Protein backbone atom coordinates (compact mmCIF):
# COMPACT_ATOMS: atom_id res chain seq x y z
CA MET A 1 15.48 2.37 -18.25
CA SER A 2 17.50 4.72 -20.48
CA SER A 3 21.25 4.99 -20.20
CA PRO A 4 22.63 8.13 -18.49
CA LEU A 5 24.70 8.68 -21.64
CA THR A 6 21.51 9.45 -23.58
CA HIS A 7 20.23 12.10 -21.16
CA PRO A 8 19.88 15.62 -22.64
CA VAL A 9 22.47 18.33 -22.02
CA LEU A 10 21.86 22.01 -22.81
CA VAL A 11 24.54 23.53 -25.06
CA LEU A 12 25.53 27.20 -24.79
CA ASN A 13 27.69 29.02 -27.31
CA ARG A 14 30.70 31.11 -26.28
CA LEU A 15 28.38 34.05 -25.54
CA TRP A 16 26.37 31.92 -23.10
CA GLN A 17 23.38 31.69 -25.45
CA ALA A 18 21.39 28.43 -25.59
CA VAL A 19 21.88 26.99 -29.07
CA ASN A 20 21.27 23.25 -28.92
CA VAL A 21 20.64 20.09 -26.91
CA CYS A 22 22.95 17.09 -27.11
CA SER A 23 23.39 13.78 -25.33
CA VAL A 24 25.62 13.25 -22.27
CA GLU A 25 27.88 11.08 -24.44
CA ARG A 26 28.38 13.91 -26.95
CA ALA A 27 28.87 16.43 -24.14
CA LEU A 28 31.58 14.32 -22.51
CA THR A 29 33.37 14.02 -25.85
CA LEU A 30 33.37 17.81 -26.24
CA LEU A 31 34.64 18.20 -22.67
CA PHE A 32 37.37 15.59 -23.02
CA THR A 33 38.67 17.12 -26.26
CA GLY A 34 38.76 20.61 -24.75
CA HIS A 35 36.01 22.06 -26.94
CA ALA A 36 33.64 22.75 -24.04
CA GLN A 37 33.42 23.27 -20.31
CA VAL A 38 30.76 22.31 -17.79
CA VAL A 39 28.53 25.07 -16.45
CA TYR A 40 27.47 24.42 -12.88
CA GLN A 41 25.45 26.64 -10.57
CA GLY A 42 26.99 26.88 -7.12
CA ALA A 43 26.34 29.16 -4.17
CA GLY A 44 28.12 32.06 -5.85
CA GLY A 45 26.51 31.72 -9.25
CA PHE A 46 27.52 29.85 -12.41
CA ASN A 47 31.05 28.48 -12.65
CA THR A 48 32.79 26.67 -15.48
CA TYR A 49 34.94 23.54 -15.25
CA SER A 50 37.26 21.79 -17.65
CA PHE A 51 36.98 18.02 -17.98
CA ARG A 52 39.70 17.36 -15.38
CA GLU A 53 38.33 20.00 -13.00
CA TRP A 54 34.88 18.49 -13.33
CA CYS A 55 36.18 15.02 -12.49
CA ASP A 56 38.02 16.43 -9.45
CA PHE A 57 34.87 18.24 -8.41
CA SER A 58 32.84 15.02 -8.33
CA PRO A 59 33.16 14.29 -4.55
CA GLU A 60 31.20 17.50 -3.92
CA LEU A 61 28.38 16.30 -6.16
CA ALA A 62 27.22 13.24 -4.26
CA SER A 63 23.60 13.84 -5.24
CA GLU A 64 24.37 14.00 -8.97
CA GLU A 65 24.24 11.04 -11.34
CA VAL A 66 27.63 9.86 -12.53
CA VAL A 67 29.17 7.94 -15.38
CA ASN A 68 31.70 5.38 -14.14
CA THR A 69 34.80 4.51 -16.14
CA ILE A 70 37.64 2.14 -15.32
CA SER A 71 39.85 4.87 -13.82
CA PHE A 72 37.47 7.62 -12.68
CA ARG A 73 33.87 8.72 -12.29
CA VAL A 74 32.37 11.72 -14.06
CA PRO A 75 29.28 13.56 -12.84
CA ILE A 76 26.71 13.98 -15.60
CA PRO A 77 26.90 17.56 -16.91
CA ARG A 78 23.56 19.34 -17.35
CA VAL A 79 24.81 22.44 -19.19
CA ILE A 80 27.98 22.85 -21.25
CA LEU A 81 29.63 25.94 -22.73
CA LEU A 82 31.27 25.74 -26.16
CA LEU A 83 34.65 27.49 -26.16
CA PHE A 84 35.05 28.16 -29.88
CA PHE A 85 31.54 28.80 -31.18
CA ASP A 86 29.81 32.18 -30.80
CA ARG A 87 27.16 32.05 -33.52
CA LEU A 88 23.51 31.17 -33.40
CA PRO A 89 22.43 28.17 -35.48
CA VAL A 90 21.09 28.81 -38.96
CA LYS A 91 17.87 26.97 -39.51
CA ASP A 92 15.03 27.32 -41.99
CA VAL A 93 11.41 26.93 -41.05
CA LYS A 94 10.09 23.88 -42.86
CA PHE A 95 7.49 24.73 -45.47
CA THR A 96 4.64 22.53 -44.23
CA ARG A 97 0.89 22.91 -43.92
CA GLN A 98 1.20 22.93 -40.14
CA ASN A 99 3.75 25.75 -40.18
CA VAL A 100 1.62 27.82 -42.58
CA PHE A 101 -1.26 27.48 -40.12
CA GLU A 102 1.11 28.41 -37.31
CA ARG A 103 2.37 31.49 -39.16
CA ASP A 104 -1.20 32.66 -39.86
CA LYS A 105 -2.38 31.73 -36.35
CA ASN A 106 -5.17 29.48 -37.70
CA THR A 107 -6.85 32.61 -39.04
CA CYS A 108 -8.40 32.99 -42.47
CA GLN A 109 -6.35 35.68 -44.19
CA TYR A 110 -9.40 36.98 -46.04
CA CYS A 111 -12.21 37.22 -43.48
CA GLY A 112 -10.01 37.39 -40.36
CA ILE A 113 -11.88 34.67 -38.45
CA LYS A 114 -9.96 32.06 -36.47
CA PHE A 115 -10.94 28.44 -37.19
CA ASP A 116 -10.06 24.92 -36.16
CA ARG A 117 -7.43 23.61 -38.53
CA LYS A 118 -9.82 21.03 -39.91
CA ASP A 119 -11.91 23.94 -41.22
CA LEU A 120 -9.03 25.69 -42.98
CA ASN A 121 -7.51 25.29 -46.42
CA ILE A 122 -4.26 26.42 -47.96
CA ASP A 123 -4.99 29.02 -50.64
CA HIS A 124 -2.65 30.14 -53.41
CA VAL A 125 -2.89 33.94 -53.51
CA VAL A 126 -1.95 33.89 -57.18
CA PRO A 127 -3.56 30.66 -58.43
CA ARG A 128 -1.24 28.01 -59.81
CA GLN A 129 -3.05 28.17 -63.16
CA HIS A 130 -1.97 31.80 -63.34
CA GLY A 131 1.66 30.94 -62.63
CA GLY A 132 1.49 31.19 -58.83
CA LEU A 133 4.10 29.20 -56.92
CA THR A 134 3.58 26.93 -53.92
CA SER A 135 5.82 28.96 -51.62
CA TRP A 136 5.79 30.86 -48.33
CA THR A 137 5.09 34.13 -50.18
CA ASN A 138 2.11 32.82 -52.16
CA VAL A 139 0.08 30.64 -49.78
CA VAL A 140 -2.17 31.62 -46.89
CA CYS A 141 -4.74 30.07 -44.57
CA SER A 142 -8.24 30.38 -45.93
CA CYS A 143 -11.57 29.22 -44.56
CA ILE A 144 -13.68 27.00 -46.78
CA GLU A 145 -16.18 29.74 -47.59
CA CYS A 146 -13.52 32.32 -48.57
CA ASN A 147 -11.64 29.67 -50.53
CA ARG A 148 -14.83 28.85 -52.47
CA ARG A 149 -15.61 32.52 -53.05
CA LYS A 150 -12.12 33.35 -54.31
CA ALA A 151 -12.04 30.28 -56.54
CA ASN A 152 -9.42 30.39 -59.30
CA ARG A 153 -8.85 34.14 -59.10
CA THR A 154 -6.44 36.57 -57.53
CA PRO A 155 -7.70 38.54 -54.50
CA GLU A 156 -8.03 41.64 -56.70
CA GLN A 157 -10.09 39.77 -59.27
CA ALA A 158 -12.31 38.36 -56.49
CA ARG A 159 -12.51 41.78 -54.78
CA MET A 160 -11.10 40.28 -51.61
CA ARG A 161 -8.34 41.78 -49.50
CA LEU A 162 -5.58 39.92 -47.68
CA LEU A 163 -5.08 40.72 -43.99
CA ARG A 164 -1.33 40.78 -44.62
CA LYS A 165 1.07 39.85 -47.34
CA PRO A 166 2.38 36.31 -46.81
CA LYS A 167 6.09 35.91 -46.14
CA LYS A 168 8.55 33.36 -44.92
CA PRO A 169 8.61 33.42 -41.10
CA ARG A 170 11.83 33.79 -39.19
CA TRP A 171 12.97 30.81 -37.18
CA ARG A 172 12.71 31.54 -33.48
CA PRO A 173 15.52 29.69 -31.72
CA PHE A 174 15.14 28.45 -28.14
CA LEU A 175 11.36 28.28 -28.20
CA GLU A 176 11.55 24.74 -29.57
CA ILE A 177 13.31 23.59 -26.40
CA GLN A 178 10.54 22.46 -24.09
CA PHE A 179 10.72 21.44 -20.45
CA THR A 180 10.12 17.71 -19.92
CA LYS A 181 10.56 15.28 -17.05
CA THR A 182 14.15 14.72 -18.20
CA THR A 183 14.99 18.42 -18.40
CA HIS A 184 17.22 19.59 -15.57
CA HIS A 185 16.21 22.62 -13.49
CA SER A 186 19.55 24.31 -14.26
CA TRP A 187 18.35 24.89 -17.84
CA ARG A 188 15.66 27.33 -16.77
CA HIS A 189 17.94 30.34 -16.30
CA PHE A 190 19.30 30.10 -19.85
CA LEU A 191 15.98 29.28 -21.53
CA ASP A 192 14.14 32.05 -19.68
CA PHE A 193 16.84 34.51 -20.73
CA ALA A 194 16.61 33.30 -24.33
CA TYR A 195 12.82 33.54 -24.34
CA TRP A 196 12.77 37.20 -23.33
CA ASN A 197 15.74 38.33 -25.42
CA VAL A 198 15.33 36.51 -28.75
CA GLU A 199 14.52 38.79 -31.70
CA LEU A 200 10.98 38.17 -32.89
CA GLY A 201 9.69 38.31 -36.43
CA GLU A 202 7.57 41.24 -37.57
CA ASP A 203 4.50 39.02 -37.66
CA SER A 204 4.76 38.03 -33.98
């Protein structure tokens, strides 16, 4: 059985945007040092509590799990609000085969047919022998037949046309946070809001 200190806590920035997930232990440290407050949904909506206020509030949270210390007990926070951070995290999309397939939606960028990933290759638009780089802007999904037909040529030389010019995808925050058995129901409001309001890339 896992320790309550390892349970996940949703982290909001100062603008109440979901930006991360941390452990209860890390959340309590941020609360104790005054860098965050607990967000708790009561009858009147969402309220925030400092560390001391949260400890004093504990008798009203009999159904919540708690962390016991020598001198007091602390209810496990499910959502915390950072007091001094109002940015969104900067994160690059990893350049992997899986993410190239994801960007191109498992669709051959020459014939436009969607395939199982086992039937797709990664094609260099400008072949490496012609100086083409292995980068987001020079690789696309290609089916085996189109890959064979194009061979060691550019699309123009092979008289083939790309569906769209390859580019580096934007990272879409929040969508990586998935609901699991350990995810608390209080997360849903913030993740649903993030899902509908996050700026999407042009290729979405």
